[in-house]
Amino acid sequence: MNCIIDRATVDDAEKILALTKICGAETDNLSYGDEGLPISVEQERCYLESVLQSDKDIFFVVREGQNIVGTANYFTLLKRRMAHRGELGLCVRKSAWGKGIGHALMEKILAFVKNNAQVDIISLEVRNDNTRAIKLYQDFGFKKIGTFEGYFKIDGKLVDFDIMELKLR
């Protein structure tokens, strides 16, 4: 892998939003399409600033030269009765698939969670036909705990997602 993984900064906001448009156009595995995330650069900057100030949340970017080719984020849930768990998300552009980036991002996220967030459970949702992502998550110990039928509706068709979790304690 010829990439560098670092914490995202507020200066990455524009490139991150551009990446969401690229990834959204390349796959139907994300919650957005080619429109990307429906937020402004300033909103993304504010979000990244809040993550940088948090000891329970993290946002990583994967840099390949001057480009960002992937992201991973983790956030701990805020409500008192849910603060023992958090959620993660990954996005890697198609040209960078198969290079070990997802694996490297998972290692970084899990190290952060274990050393900083110190939660009991990490959960995620993954399209149930996204076998590559499911295998990656299983390799890190995530287990399927259920299926959310019709989680997405794409082009008039309902798409099921598996709910997976990793118990840390």
C-alpha atoms as a PDB file:
ATOM      1  CA  MET A   1       0.000   0.000   0.000  1.00  0.00           C
ATOM      2  CA  ASN A   2       1.515   3.306  -1.093  1.00  0.00           C
ATOM      3  CA  CYS A   3      -0.752   5.428   1.096  1.00  0.00           C
ATOM      4  CA  ILE A   4      -0.622   7.359   4.339  1.00  0.00           C
ATOM      5  CA  ILE A   5      -3.419   7.179   6.903  1.00  0.00           C
ATOM      6  CA  ASP A   6      -3.821  10.190   9.193  1.00  0.00           C
ATOM      7  CA  ARG A   7      -6.445  11.959  11.210  1.00  0.00           C
ATOM      8  CA  ALA A   8      -8.585  14.216   9.080  1.00  0.00           C
ATOM      9  CA  THR A   9      -8.186  17.947   9.601  1.00  0.00           C
ATOM     10  CA  VAL A  10     -10.570  20.781   8.821  1.00  0.00           C
ATOM     11  CA  ASP A  11      -8.481  21.471   5.727  1.00  0.00           C
ATOM     12  CA  ASP A  12      -9.547  18.080   4.326  1.00  0.00           C
ATOM     13  CA  ALA A  13     -13.242  18.992   4.231  1.00  0.00           C
ATOM     14  CA  GLU A  14     -13.466  19.849   0.534  1.00  0.00           C
ATOM     15  CA  LYS A  15     -11.541  16.746  -0.570  1.00  0.00           C
ATOM     16  CA  ILE A  16     -13.616  14.499   1.699  1.00  0.00           C
ATOM     17  CA  LEU A  17     -16.854  15.825   0.216  1.00  0.00           C
ATOM     18  CA  ALA A  18     -15.441  15.360  -3.307  1.00  0.00           C
ATOM     19  CA  LEU A  19     -14.565  11.760  -2.383  1.00  0.00           C
ATOM     20  CA  THR A  20     -18.158  11.089  -1.294  1.00  0.00           C
ATOM     21  CA  LYS A  21     -19.333  12.073  -4.775  1.00  0.00           C
ATOM     22  CA  ILE A  22     -16.772   9.772  -6.408  1.00  0.00           C
ATOM     23  CA  CYS A  23     -17.521   6.817  -4.127  1.00  0.00           C
ATOM     24  CA  GLY A  24     -21.263   7.423  -4.325  1.00  0.00           C
ATOM     25  CA  ALA A  25     -21.063   7.188  -8.113  1.00  0.00           C
ATOM     26  CA  GLU A  26     -18.944   4.017  -8.015  1.00  0.00           C
ATOM     27  CA  THR A  27     -21.025   1.869  -5.668  1.00  0.00           C
ATOM     28  CA  ASP A  28     -24.517   1.453  -4.233  1.00  0.00           C
ATOM     29  CA  ASN A  29     -23.098   0.316  -0.874  1.00  0.00           C
ATOM     30  CA  LEU A  30     -23.207   3.798   0.682  1.00  0.00           C
ATOM     31  CA  SER A  31     -26.059   5.895   2.060  1.00  0.00           C
ATOM     32  CA  TYR A  32     -25.583   8.433  -0.753  1.00  0.00           C
ATOM     33  CA  GLY A  33     -25.149   8.314  -4.506  1.00  0.00           C
ATOM     34  CA  ASP A  34     -23.197  10.517  -6.898  1.00  0.00           C
ATOM     35  CA  GLU A  35     -24.569  13.589  -5.134  1.00  0.00           C
ATOM     36  CA  GLY A  36     -22.323  12.809  -2.157  1.00  0.00           C
ATOM     37  CA  LEU A  37     -23.145  13.985   1.326  1.00  0.00           C
ATOM     38  CA  PRO A  38     -25.791  16.746   1.407  1.00  0.00           C
ATOM     39  CA  ILE A  39     -23.698  19.203   3.432  1.00  0.00           C
ATOM     40  CA  SER A  40     -21.598  22.260   2.721  1.00  0.00           C
ATOM     41  CA  VAL A  41     -17.826  22.454   3.019  1.00  0.00           C
ATOM     42  CA  GLU A  42     -18.305  24.703   6.058  1.00  0.00           C
ATOM     43  CA  GLN A  43     -20.577  22.126   7.722  1.00  0.00           C
ATOM     44  CA  GLU A  44     -17.988  19.414   7.054  1.00  0.00           C
ATOM     45  CA  ARG A  45     -15.270  21.653   8.502  1.00  0.00           C
ATOM     46  CA  CYS A  46     -17.349  22.147  11.676  1.00  0.00           C
ATOM     47  CA  TYR A  47     -17.936  18.403  11.949  1.00  0.00           C
ATOM     48  CA  LEU A  48     -14.219  17.644  11.523  1.00  0.00           C
ATOM     49  CA  GLU A  49     -13.351  20.282  14.129  1.00  0.00           C
ATOM     50  CA  SER A  50     -15.731  18.645  16.606  1.00  0.00           C
ATOM     51  CA  VAL A  51     -14.151  15.237  15.942  1.00  0.00           C
ATOM     52  CA  LEU A  52     -10.672  16.688  16.474  1.00  0.00           C
ATOM     53  CA  GLN A  53     -11.814  18.018  19.864  1.00  0.00           C
ATOM     54  CA  SER A  54     -13.304  14.663  20.902  1.00  0.00           C
ATOM     55  CA  ASP A  55     -11.520  11.930  22.825  1.00  0.00           C
ATOM     56  CA  LYS A  56     -14.259   9.450  21.875  1.00  0.00           C
ATOM     57  CA  ASP A  57     -14.546   9.991  18.097  1.00  0.00           C
ATOM     58  CA  ILE A  58     -12.083   9.742  15.210  1.00  0.00           C
ATOM     59  CA  PHE A  59     -11.995  10.418  11.486  1.00  0.00           C
ATOM     60  CA  PHE A  60      -9.171   9.044   9.341  1.00  0.00           C
ATOM     61  CA  VAL A  61      -8.292   9.864   5.746  1.00  0.00           C
ATOM     62  CA  VAL A  62      -6.185   7.790   3.378  1.00  0.00           C
ATOM     63  CA  ARG A  63      -3.835   9.936   1.325  1.00  0.00           C
ATOM     64  CA  GLU A  64      -2.322   8.791  -1.949  1.00  0.00           C
ATOM     65  CA  GLY A  65      -0.147  11.695  -3.005  1.00  0.00           C
ATOM     66  CA  GLN A  66      -2.339  14.811  -2.959  1.00  0.00           C
ATOM     67  CA  ASN A  67      -5.573  12.794  -3.186  1.00  0.00           C
ATOM     68  CA  ILE A  68      -7.781  11.328  -0.503  1.00  0.00           C
ATOM     69  CA  VAL A  69      -8.795   7.827  -1.597  1.00  0.00           C
ATOM     70  CA  GLY A  70     -10.519   6.586   1.542  1.00  0.00           C
ATOM     71  CA  THR A  71     -11.990   7.512   4.892  1.00  0.00           C
ATOM     72  CA  ALA A  72     -12.978   5.801   8.110  1.00  0.00           C
ATOM     73  CA  ASN A  73     -14.884   7.286  10.980  1.00  0.00           C
ATOM     74  CA  TYR A  74     -15.938   6.110  14.385  1.00  0.00           C
ATOM     75  CA  PHE A  75     -18.227   7.856  16.831  1.00  0.00           C
ATOM     76  CA  THR A  76     -19.368   6.955  20.316  1.00  0.00           C
ATOM     77  CA  LEU A  77     -23.084   7.312  20.902  1.00  0.00           C
ATOM     78  CA  LEU A  78     -23.927  10.236  23.177  1.00  0.00           C
ATOM     79  CA  LYS A  79     -27.056   9.192  25.037  1.00  0.00           C
ATOM     80  CA  ARG A  80     -26.136   7.966  28.512  1.00  0.00           C
ATOM     81  CA  ARG A  81     -27.788   4.570  28.093  1.00  0.00           C
ATOM     82  CA  MET A  82     -26.074   4.061  24.734  1.00  0.00           C
ATOM     83  CA  ALA A  83     -22.635   5.533  25.520  1.00  0.00           C
ATOM     84  CA  HIS A  84     -21.157   2.051  25.986  1.00  0.00           C
ATOM     85  CA  ARG A  85     -21.180   1.591  22.216  1.00  0.00           C
ATOM     86  CA  GLY A  86     -20.279   3.287  18.983  1.00  0.00           C
ATOM     87  CA  GLU A  87     -20.547   2.971  15.233  1.00  0.00           C
ATOM     88  CA  LEU A  88     -18.053   2.946  12.403  1.00  0.00           C
ATOM     89  CA  GLY A  89     -18.087   3.585   8.695  1.00  0.00           C
ATOM     90  CA  LEU A  90     -15.603   3.058   5.864  1.00  0.00           C
ATOM     91  CA  CYS A  91     -15.367   4.476   2.358  1.00  0.00           C
ATOM     92  CA  VAL A  92     -12.653   3.580  -0.161  1.00  0.00           C
ATOM     93  CA  ARG A  93     -12.760   4.628  -3.787  1.00  0.00           C
ATOM     94  CA  LYS A  94     -12.905   1.769  -6.269  1.00  0.00           C
ATOM     95  CA  SER A  95      -9.449   2.423  -7.762  1.00  0.00           C
ATOM     96  CA  ALA A  96      -7.977   1.712  -4.304  1.00  0.00           C
ATOM     97  CA  TRP A  97      -9.895  -1.526  -3.629  1.00  0.00           C
ATOM     98  CA  GLY A  98      -7.816  -4.647  -3.077  1.00  0.00           C
ATOM     99  CA  LYS A  99      -4.772  -2.759  -1.744  1.00  0.00           C
ATOM    100  CA  GLY A 100      -5.278  -3.515   1.956  1.00  0.00           C
ATOM    101  CA  ILE A 101      -6.647  -0.061   2.742  1.00  0.00           C
ATOM    102  CA  GLY A 102      -9.823  -1.353   4.397  1.00  0.00           C
ATOM    103  CA  HIS A 103      -7.766  -3.669   6.574  1.00  0.00           C
ATOM    104  CA  ALA A 104      -5.381  -0.862   7.570  1.00  0.00           C
ATOM    105  CA  LEU A 105      -8.301   1.455   8.368  1.00  0.00           C
ATOM    106  CA  MET A 106      -9.937  -1.200  10.544  1.00  0.00           C
ATOM    107  CA  GLU A 107      -6.693  -1.658  12.481  1.00  0.00           C
ATOM    108  CA  LYS A 108      -6.474   2.105  13.092  1.00  0.00           C
ATOM    109  CA  ILE A 109     -10.121   2.419  14.123  1.00  0.00           C
ATOM    110  CA  LEU A 110      -9.973  -0.543  16.504  1.00  0.00           C
ATOM    111  CA  ALA A 111      -6.734   0.673  18.095  1.00  0.00           C
ATOM    112  CA  PHE A 112      -8.355   4.061  18.699  1.00  0.00           C
ATOM    113  CA  VAL A 113     -11.512   2.516  20.136  1.00  0.00           C
ATOM    114  CA  LYS A 114      -9.618   0.225  22.493  1.00  0.00           C
ATOM    115  CA  ASN A 115      -7.168   2.901  23.652  1.00  0.00           C
ATOM    116  CA  ASN A 116      -9.386   5.980  23.699  1.00  0.00           C
ATOM    117  CA  ALA A 117     -13.115   5.435  23.326  1.00  0.00           C
ATOM    118  CA  GLN A 118     -13.101   2.360  25.572  1.00  0.00           C
ATOM    119  CA  VAL A 119     -16.583   1.197  24.662  1.00  0.00           C
ATOM    120  CA  ASP A 120     -18.065  -2.272  25.030  1.00  0.00           C
ATOM    121  CA  ILE A 121     -19.584  -2.715  21.558  1.00  0.00           C
ATOM    122  CA  ILE A 122     -18.953  -1.415  18.040  1.00  0.00           C
ATOM    123  CA  SER A 123     -21.716  -1.807  15.483  1.00  0.00           C
ATOM    124  CA  LEU A 124     -22.153  -1.212  11.784  1.00  0.00           C
ATOM    125  CA  GLU A 125     -24.573  -1.828   8.963  1.00  0.00           C
ATOM    126  CA  VAL A 126     -23.409  -3.396   5.701  1.00  0.00           C
ATOM    127  CA  ARG A 127     -25.288  -4.222   2.533  1.00  0.00           C
ATOM    128  CA  ASN A 128     -25.917  -7.963   2.795  1.00  0.00           C
ATOM    129  CA  ASP A 129     -24.553  -8.686  -0.683  1.00  0.00           C
ATOM    130  CA  ASN A 130     -21.311  -6.741  -0.074  1.00  0.00           C
ATOM    131  CA  THR A 131     -19.285  -9.894   0.507  1.00  0.00           C
ATOM    132  CA  ARG A 132     -15.887  -8.147   0.469  1.00  0.00           C
ATOM    133  CA  ALA A 133     -16.870  -5.769   3.273  1.00  0.00           C
ATOM    134  CA  ILE A 134     -18.576  -8.530   5.279  1.00  0.00           C
ATOM    135  CA  LYS A 135     -15.435 -10.673   5.055  1.00  0.00           C
ATOM    136  CA  LEU A 136     -13.289  -7.735   6.193  1.00  0.00           C
ATOM    137  CA  TYR A 137     -15.507  -7.142   9.219  1.00  0.00           C
ATOM    138  CA  GLN A 138     -15.617 -10.869  10.048  1.00  0.00           C
ATOM    139  CA  ASP A 139     -11.805 -10.989   9.875  1.00  0.00           C
ATOM    140  CA  PHE A 140     -11.803  -8.455  12.721  1.00  0.00           C
ATOM    141  CA  GLY A 141     -14.301 -10.451  14.780  1.00  0.00           C
ATOM    142  CA  PHE A 142     -17.577  -8.742  13.868  1.00  0.00           C
ATOM    143  CA  LYS A 143     -20.627 -11.006  13.989  1.00  0.00           C
ATOM    144  CA  LYS A 144     -23.943 -10.638  12.202  1.00  0.00           C
ATOM    145  CA  ILE A 145     -26.699 -10.027  14.732  1.00  0.00           C
ATOM    146  CA  GLY A 146     -29.585  -9.422  12.365  1.00  0.00           C
ATOM    147  CA  THR A 147     -30.865  -8.140   9.053  1.00  0.00           C
ATOM    148  CA  PHE A 148     -32.666  -4.884   8.436  1.00  0.00           C
ATOM    149  CA  GLU A 149     -34.909  -5.681   5.468  1.00  0.00           C
ATOM    150  CA  GLY A 150     -35.395  -2.767   3.116  1.00  0.00           C
ATOM    151  CA  TYR A 151     -32.709  -0.619   4.787  1.00  0.00           C
ATOM    152  CA  PHE A 152     -32.128   1.230   1.474  1.00  0.00           C
ATOM    153  CA  LYS A 153     -34.422   1.890  -1.431  1.00  0.00           C
ATOM    154  CA  ILE A 154     -32.424   2.266  -4.648  1.00  0.00           C
ATOM    155  CA  ASP A 155     -34.151   2.737  -8.000  1.00  0.00           C
ATOM    156  CA  GLY A 156     -37.406   1.537  -6.503  1.00  0.00           C
ATOM    157  CA  LYS A 157     -35.909  -1.681  -5.081  1.00  0.00           C
ATOM    158  CA  LEU A 158     -35.558  -2.450  -1.379  1.00  0.00           C
ATOM    159  CA  VAL A 159     -32.055  -3.472  -0.313  1.00  0.00           C
ATOM    160  CA  ASP A 160     -31.357  -5.461   2.853  1.00  0.00           C
ATOM    161  CA  PHE A 161     -28.481  -4.722   5.215  1.00  0.00           C
ATOM    162  CA  ASP A 162     -26.865  -6.894   7.842  1.00  0.00           C
ATOM    163  CA  ILE A 163     -26.297  -5.449  11.283  1.00  0.00           C
ATOM    164  CA  MET A 164     -22.943  -6.501  12.697  1.00  0.00           C
ATOM    165  CA  GLU A 165     -21.267  -5.950  16.042  1.00  0.00           C
ATOM    166  CA  LEU A 166     -17.975  -6.503  17.758  1.00  0.00           C
ATOM    167  CA  LYS A 167     -18.057  -7.003  21.516  1.00  0.00           C
ATOM    168  CA  LEU A 168     -14.903  -5.684  23.119  1.00  0.00           C
ATOM    169  CA  ARG A 169     -15.694  -6.348  26.783  1.00  0.00           C
END
